[in-house]
PDB file of all heavy atoms in Angstrom:
ATOM      1  N   LEU A   1     125.305  79.779 146.579  1.00  0.00           N
ATOM      2  CA  LEU A   1     126.762  79.765 146.518  1.00  0.00           C
ATOM      3  C   LEU A   1     127.224  78.340 146.767  1.00  0.00           C
ATOM      4  O   LEU A   1     126.786  77.698 147.718  1.00  0.00           O
ATOM      5  CB  LEU A   1     127.347  80.707 147.579  1.00  0.00           C
ATOM      6  CG  LEU A   1     128.862  80.824 147.652  1.00  0.00           C
ATOM      7  CD1 LEU A   1     129.412  81.450 146.365  1.00  0.00           C
ATOM      8  CD2 LEU A   1     129.267  81.657 148.863  1.00  0.00           C
ATOM      9  N   ALA A   2     128.100  77.848 145.918  1.00  0.00           N
ATOM     10  CA  ALA A   2     128.613  76.489 146.076  1.00  0.00           C
ATOM     11  C   ALA A   2     130.126  76.522 146.049  1.00  0.00           C
ATOM     12  O   ALA A   2     130.731  77.352 145.368  1.00  0.00           O
ATOM     13  CB  ALA A   2     128.095  75.593 144.945  1.00  0.00           C
ATOM     14  N   GLY A   3     130.718  75.654 146.823  1.00  0.00           N
ATOM     15  CA  GLY A   3     132.172  75.566 146.874  1.00  0.00           C
ATOM     16  C   GLY A   3     132.601  74.543 147.910  1.00  0.00           C
ATOM     17  O   GLY A   3     131.781  73.793 148.444  1.00  0.00           O
ATOM     18  N   ARG A   4     133.903  74.545 148.191  1.00  0.00           N
ATOM     19  CA  ARG A   4     134.422  73.630 149.207  1.00  0.00           C
ATOM     20  C   ARG A   4     133.816  73.948 150.577  1.00  0.00           C
ATOM     21  O   ARG A   4     133.423  75.081 150.854  1.00  0.00           O
ATOM     22  CB  ARG A   4     135.947  73.747 149.276  1.00  0.00           C
ATOM     23  CG  ARG A   4     136.656  73.211 148.043  1.00  0.00           C
ATOM     24  CD  ARG A   4     138.171  73.247 148.199  1.00  0.00           C
ATOM     25  NE  ARG A   4     138.642  74.462 148.836  1.00  0.00           N
ATOM     26  CZ  ARG A   4     139.011  75.566 148.178  1.00  0.00           C
ATOM     27  NH1 ARG A   4     138.984  75.595 146.882  1.00  0.00           N
ATOM     28  NH2 ARG A   4     139.425  76.617 148.832  1.00  0.00           N
ATOM     29  N   ARG A   5     133.754  72.943 151.437  1.00  0.00           N
ATOM     30  CA  ARG A   5     133.130  73.074 152.748  1.00  0.00           C
ATOM     31  C   ARG A   5     133.708  74.252 153.544  1.00  0.00           C
ATOM     32  O   ARG A   5     132.976  75.035 154.138  1.00  0.00           O
ATOM     33  CB  ARG A   5     133.312  71.764 153.536  1.00  0.00           C
ATOM     34  CG  ARG A   5     132.606  71.740 154.867  1.00  0.00           C
ATOM     35  CD  ARG A   5     132.785  70.405 155.576  1.00  0.00           C
ATOM     36  NE  ARG A   5     132.464  69.266 154.743  1.00  0.00           N
ATOM     37  CZ  ARG A   5     131.252  68.723 154.617  1.00  0.00           C
ATOM     38  NH1 ARG A   5     130.249  69.221 155.294  1.00  0.00           N
ATOM     39  NH2 ARG A   5     131.052  67.677 153.840  1.00  0.00           N
ATOM     40  N   GLU A   6     135.030  74.416 153.531  1.00  0.00           N
ATOM     41  CA  GLU A   6     135.669  75.505 154.286  1.00  0.00           C
ATOM     42  C   GLU A   6     135.252  76.871 153.734  1.00  0.00           C
ATOM     43  O   GLU A   6     135.015  77.818 154.472  1.00  0.00           O
ATOM     44  CB  GLU A   6     137.199  75.382 154.226  1.00  0.00           C
ATOM     45  CG  GLU A   6     137.752  74.082 154.773  1.00  0.00           C
ATOM     46  CD  GLU A   6     137.643  72.926 153.783  1.00  0.00           C
ATOM     47  OE1 GLU A   6     137.641  73.154 152.553  1.00  0.00           O
ATOM     48  OE2 GLU A   6     137.538  71.770 154.249  1.00  0.00           O
ATOM     49  N   PHE A   7     135.183  76.966 152.413  1.00  0.00           N
ATOM     50  CA  PHE A   7     134.785  78.214 151.757  1.00  0.00           C
ATOM     51  C   PHE A   7     133.347  78.583 152.136  1.00  0.00           C
ATOM     52  O   PHE A   7     133.054  79.724 152.479  1.00  0.00           O
ATOM     53  CB  PHE A   7     134.920  78.064 150.234  1.00  0.00           C
ATOM     54  CG  PHE A   7     134.371  79.225 149.462  1.00  0.00           C
ATOM     55  CD1 PHE A   7     135.060  80.432 149.393  1.00  0.00           C
ATOM     56  CD2 PHE A   7     133.169  79.111 148.774  1.00  0.00           C
ATOM     57  CE1 PHE A   7     134.550  81.499 148.675  1.00  0.00           C
ATOM     58  CE2 PHE A   7     132.654  80.173 148.051  1.00  0.00           C
ATOM     59  CZ  PHE A   7     133.350  81.371 148.005  1.00  0.00           C
ATOM     60  N   ILE A   8     132.452  77.618 152.102  1.00  0.00           N
ATOM     61  CA  ILE A   8     131.045  77.863 152.442  1.00  0.00           C
ATOM     62  C   ILE A   8     130.917  78.242 153.916  1.00  0.00           C
ATOM     63  O   ILE A   8     130.148  79.137 154.278  1.00  0.00           O
ATOM     64  CB  ILE A   8     130.164  76.653 152.094  1.00  0.00           C
ATOM     65  CG1 ILE A   8     130.196  76.411 150.578  1.00  0.00           C
ATOM     66  CG2 ILE A   8     128.740  76.827 152.589  1.00  0.00           C
ATOM     67  CD1 ILE A   8     129.712  77.575 149.738  1.00  0.00           C
ATOM     68  N   ALA A   9     131.687  77.594 154.804  1.00  0.00           N
ATOM     69  CA  ALA A   9     131.645  77.944 156.228  1.00  0.00           C
ATOM     70  C   ALA A   9     132.075  79.391 156.435  1.00  0.00           C
ATOM     71  O   ALA A   9     131.460  80.135 157.211  1.00  0.00           O
ATOM     72  CB  ALA A   9     132.539  76.985 157.026  1.00  0.00           C
ATOM     73  N   GLU A  10     133.120  79.810 155.720  1.00  0.00           N
ATOM     74  CA  GLU A  10     133.575  81.201 155.826  1.00  0.00           C
ATOM     75  C   GLU A  10     132.523  82.150 155.262  1.00  0.00           C
ATOM     76  O   GLU A  10     132.240  83.198 155.855  1.00  0.00           O
ATOM     77  CB  GLU A  10     134.899  81.370 155.074  1.00  0.00           C
ATOM     78  CG  GLU A  10     135.464  82.771 155.189  1.00  0.00           C
ATOM     79  CD  GLU A  10     136.769  82.939 154.430  1.00  0.00           C
ATOM     80  OE1 GLU A  10     137.373  81.935 154.000  1.00  0.00           O
ATOM     81  OE2 GLU A  10     137.175  84.103 154.261  1.00  0.00           O
ATOM     82  N   ALA A  11     131.934  81.803 154.128  1.00  0.00           N
ATOM     83  CA  ALA A  11     130.890  82.651 153.525  1.00  0.00           C
ATOM     84  C   ALA A  11     129.697  82.770 154.470  1.00  0.00           C
ATOM     85  O   ALA A  11     129.106  83.848 154.607  1.00  0.00           O
ATOM     86  CB  ALA A  11     130.460  82.072 152.182  1.00  0.00           C
ATOM     87  N   TRP A  12     129.351  81.679 155.130  1.00  0.00           N
ATOM     88  CA  TRP A  12     128.244  81.682 156.081  1.00  0.00           C
ATOM     89  C   TRP A  12     128.522  82.673 157.219  1.00  0.00           C
ATOM     90  O   TRP A  12     127.654  83.454 157.600  1.00  0.00           O
ATOM     91  CB  TRP A  12     128.059  80.264 156.624  1.00  0.00           C
ATOM     92  CG  TRP A  12     126.892  80.107 157.542  1.00  0.00           C
ATOM     93  CD1 TRP A  12     126.879  80.258 158.884  1.00  0.00           C
ATOM     94  CD2 TRP A  12     125.558  79.773 157.166  1.00  0.00           C
ATOM     95  NE1 TRP A  12     125.644  80.033 159.392  1.00  0.00           N
ATOM     96  CE2 TRP A  12     124.791  79.736 158.343  1.00  0.00           C
ATOM     97  CE3 TRP A  12     124.936  79.502 155.963  1.00  0.00           C
ATOM     98  CZ2 TRP A  12     123.436  79.441 158.354  1.00  0.00           C
ATOM     99  CZ3 TRP A  12     123.588  79.195 155.978  1.00  0.00           C
ATOM    100  CH2 TRP A  12     122.861  79.177 157.160  1.00  0.00           C
ATOM    101  N   CYS A  13     129.737  82.656 157.744  1.00  0.00           N
ATOM    102  CA  CYS A  13     130.106  83.574 158.834  1.00  0.00           C
ATOM    103  C   CYS A  13     130.072  85.024 158.363  1.00  0.00           C
ATOM    104  O   CYS A  13     129.560  85.902 159.058  1.00  0.00           O
ATOM    105  CB  CYS A  13     131.492  83.229 159.369  1.00  0.00           C
ATOM    106  SG  CYS A  13     131.548  81.698 160.310  1.00  0.00           S
ATOM    107  N   VAL A  14     130.617  85.287 157.188  1.00  0.00           N
ATOM    108  CA  VAL A  14     130.627  86.650 156.654  1.00  0.00           C
ATOM    109  C   VAL A  14     129.201  87.135 156.423  1.00  0.00           C
ATOM    110  O   VAL A  14     128.863  88.276 156.736  1.00  0.00           O
ATOM    111  CB  VAL A  14     131.462  86.732 155.351  1.00  0.00           C
ATOM    112  CG1 VAL A  14     131.292  88.070 154.667  1.00  0.00           C
ATOM    113  CG2 VAL A  14     132.932  86.465 155.657  1.00  0.00           C
ATOM    114  N   ARG A  15     128.353  86.278 155.902  1.00  0.00           N
ATOM    115  CA  ARG A  15     126.955  86.654 155.693  1.00  0.00           C
ATOM    116  C   ARG A  15     126.307  87.053 157.010  1.00  0.00           C
ATOM    117  O   ARG A  15     125.610  88.063 157.109  1.00  0.00           O
ATOM    118  CB  ARG A  15     126.179  85.496 155.067  1.00  0.00           C
ATOM    119  CG  ARG A  15     124.702  85.835 154.815  1.00  0.00           C
ATOM    120  CD  ARG A  15     123.931  84.626 154.313  1.00  0.00           C
ATOM    121  NE  ARG A  15     123.860  83.551 155.270  1.00  0.00           N
ATOM    122  CZ  ARG A  15     122.907  83.417 156.213  1.00  0.00           C
ATOM    123  NH1 ARG A  15     121.968  84.320 156.322  1.00  0.00           N
ATOM    124  NH2 ARG A  15     122.922  82.397 157.027  1.00  0.00           N
ATOM    125  N   LYS A  16     126.546  86.279 158.058  1.00  0.00           N
ATOM    126  CA  LYS A  16     125.988  86.587 159.383  1.00  0.00           C
ATOM    127  C   LYS A  16     126.541  87.910 159.915  1.00  0.00           C
ATOM    128  O   LYS A  16     125.812  88.724 160.471  1.00  0.00           O
ATOM    129  CB  LYS A  16     126.296  85.465 160.377  1.00  0.00           C
ATOM    130  CG  LYS A  16     125.506  84.224 160.156  1.00  0.00           C
ATOM    131  CD  LYS A  16     124.071  84.462 160.527  1.00  0.00           C
ATOM    132  CE  LYS A  16     123.415  83.146 160.861  1.00  0.00           C
ATOM    133  NZ  LYS A  16     122.007  83.341 161.144  1.00  0.00           N
ATOM    134  N   LEU A  17     127.863  88.121 159.753  1.00  0.00           N
ATOM    135  CA  LEU A  17     128.487  89.364 160.208  1.00  0.00           C
ATOM    136  C   LEU A  17     127.907  90.593 159.525  1.00  0.00           C
ATOM    137  O   LEU A  17     127.785  91.662 160.114  1.00  0.00           O
ATOM    138  CB  LEU A  17     129.999  89.318 159.972  1.00  0.00           C
ATOM    139  CG  LEU A  17     130.810  88.441 160.904  1.00  0.00           C
ATOM    140  CD1 LEU A  17     132.249  88.329 160.416  1.00  0.00           C
ATOM    141  CD2 LEU A  17     130.780  89.005 162.326  1.00  0.00           C
ATOM    142  N   LEU A  18     127.547  90.442 158.243  1.00  0.00           N
ATOM    143  CA  LEU A  18     127.016  91.564 157.471  1.00  0.00           C
ATOM    144  C   LEU A  18     125.502  91.697 157.581  1.00  0.00           C
ATOM    145  O   LEU A  18     124.904  92.551 156.933  1.00  0.00           O
ATOM    146  CB  LEU A  18     127.430  91.433 156.003  1.00  0.00           C
ATOM    147  CG  LEU A  18     128.936  91.492 155.752  1.00  0.00           C
ATOM    148  CD1 LEU A  18     129.245  91.228 154.286  1.00  0.00           C
ATOM    149  CD2 LEU A  18     129.506  92.834 156.187  1.00  0.00           C
ATOM    150  N   GLY A  19     124.889  90.865 158.396  1.00  0.00           N
ATOM    151  CA  GLY A  19     123.448  90.968 158.621  1.00  0.00           C
ATOM    152  C   GLY A  19     122.605  90.237 157.606  1.00  0.00           C
ATOM    153  O   GLY A  19     121.406  90.475 157.515  1.00  0.00           O
ATOM    154  N   GLY A  20     123.195  89.341 156.831  1.00  0.00           N
ATOM    155  CA  GLY A  20     122.429  88.597 155.832  1.00  0.00           C
ATOM    156  C   GLY A  20     121.606  87.502 156.471  1.00  0.00           C
ATOM    157  O   GLY A  20     121.856  87.079 157.594  1.00  0.00           O
ATOM    158  N   GLY A  21     120.608  87.089 155.798  1.00  0.00           N
ATOM    159  CA  GLY A  21     119.753  86.007 156.272  1.00  0.00           C
ATOM    160  C   GLY A  21     118.300  86.426 156.185  1.00  0.00           C
ATOM    161  O   GLY A  21     117.983  87.609 156.187  1.00  0.00           O
ATOM    162  N   MET A  22     117.427  85.452 156.063  1.00  0.00           N
ATOM    163  CA  MET A  22     116.005  85.738 155.939  1.00  0.00           C
ATOM    164  C   MET A  22     115.199  84.698 156.691  1.00  0.00           C
ATOM    165  O   MET A  22     115.567  83.530 156.740  1.00  0.00           O
ATOM    166  CB  MET A  22     115.574  85.674 154.467  1.00  0.00           C
ATOM    167  CG  MET A  22     116.197  86.684 153.567  1.00  0.00           C
ATOM    168  SD  MET A  22     115.536  86.536 151.890  1.00  0.00           S
ATOM    169  CE  MET A  22     113.878  87.117 152.166  1.00  0.00           C
ATOM    170  N   ARG A  23     114.098  85.149 157.191  1.00  0.00           N
ATOM    171  CA  ARG A  23     113.110  84.214 157.713  1.00  0.00           C
ATOM    172  C   ARG A  23     112.140  83.938 156.565  1.00  0.00           C
ATOM    173  O   ARG A  23     112.012  84.718 155.642  1.00  0.00           O
ATOM    174  CB  ARG A  23     112.369  84.836 158.891  1.00  0.00           C
ATOM    175  CG  ARG A  23     113.307  85.198 160.036  1.00  0.00           C
ATOM    176  CD  ARG A  23     112.543  85.195 161.339  1.00  0.00           C
ATOM    177  NE  ARG A  23     113.321  85.680 162.453  1.00  0.00           N
ATOM    178  CZ  ARG A  23     114.325  85.038 163.020  1.00  0.00           C
ATOM    179  NH1 ARG A  23     114.724  83.903 162.546  1.00  0.00           N
ATOM    180  NH2 ARG A  23     114.946  85.548 164.055  1.00  0.00           N
ATOM    181  N   GLN A  24     111.457  82.864 156.616  1.00  0.00           N
ATOM    182  CA  GLN A  24     110.481  82.498 155.598  1.00  0.00           C
ATOM    183  C   GLN A  24     111.104  82.429 154.202  1.00  0.00           C
ATOM    184  O   GLN A  24     110.486  82.781 153.205  1.00  0.00           O
ATOM    185  CB  GLN A  24     109.299  83.484 155.581  1.00  0.00           C
ATOM    186  CG  GLN A  24     108.704  83.791 156.931  1.00  0.00           C
ATOM    187  CD  GLN A  24     108.260  82.545 157.690  1.00  0.00           C
ATOM    188  OE1 GLN A  24     107.865  81.563 157.098  1.00  0.00           O
ATOM    189  NE2 GLN A  24     108.357  82.590 159.007  1.00  0.00           N
ATOM    190  N   ALA A  25     112.341  81.990 154.145  1.00  0.00           N
ATOM    191  CA  ALA A  25     113.049  81.911 152.866  1.00  0.00           C
ATOM    192  C   ALA A  25     112.516  80.800 151.970  1.00  0.00           C
ATOM    193  O   ALA A  25     112.802  80.775 150.771  1.00  0.00           O
ATOM    194  CB  ALA A  25     114.544  81.709 153.113  1.00  0.00           C
ATOM    195  N   GLY A  26     111.708  79.917 152.518  1.00  0.00           N
ATOM    196  CA  GLY A  26     111.165  78.824 151.722  1.00  0.00           C
ATOM    197  C   GLY A  26     110.308  79.290 150.562  1.00  0.00           C
ATOM    198  O   GLY A  26     110.266  78.657 149.504  1.00  0.00           O
ATOM    199  N   VAL A  27     109.606  80.400 150.738  1.00  0.00           N
ATOM    200  CA  VAL A  27     108.776  80.944 149.657  1.00  0.00           C
ATOM    201  C   VAL A  27     109.662  81.337 148.487  1.00  0.00           C
ATOM    202  O   VAL A  27     109.369  81.026 147.324  1.00  0.00           O
ATOM    203  CB  VAL A  27     107.950  82.149 150.152  1.00  0.00           C
ATOM    204  CG1 VAL A  27     107.205  82.805 149.005  1.00  0.00           C
ATOM    205  CG2 VAL A  27     106.986  81.712 151.245  1.00  0.00           C
ATOM    206  N   LEU A  28     110.769  82.010 148.788  1.00  0.00           N
ATOM    207  CA  LEU A  28     111.697  82.398 147.720  1.00  0.00           C
ATOM    208  C   LEU A  28     112.399  81.178 147.141  1.00  0.00           C
ATOM    209  O   LEU A  28     112.664  81.114 145.940  1.00  0.00           O
ATOM    210  CB  LEU A  28     112.721  83.402 148.246  1.00  0.00           C
ATOM    211  CG  LEU A  28     112.163  84.775 148.605  1.00  0.00           C
ATOM    212  CD1 LEU A  28     113.256  85.649 149.196  1.00  0.00           C
ATOM    213  CD2 LEU A  28     111.526  85.439 147.404  1.00  0.00           C
ATOM    214  N   ALA A  29     112.689  80.201 147.990  1.00  0.00           N
ATOM    215  CA  ALA A  29     113.324  78.982 147.500  1.00  0.00           C
ATOM    216  C   ALA A  29     112.412  78.249 146.525  1.00  0.00           C
ATOM    217  O   ALA A  29     112.878  77.672 145.537  1.00  0.00           O
ATOM    218  CB  ALA A  29     113.704  78.075 148.670  1.00  0.00           C
TER     219      ALA A  29
END
């Protein structure tokens, strides 16, 4: 996801609130 800094900060918080995130994401990256 790309966008303005404020938008990404909000998306980051929402992702955390909804339980998003992964460990070992480098393999997928």
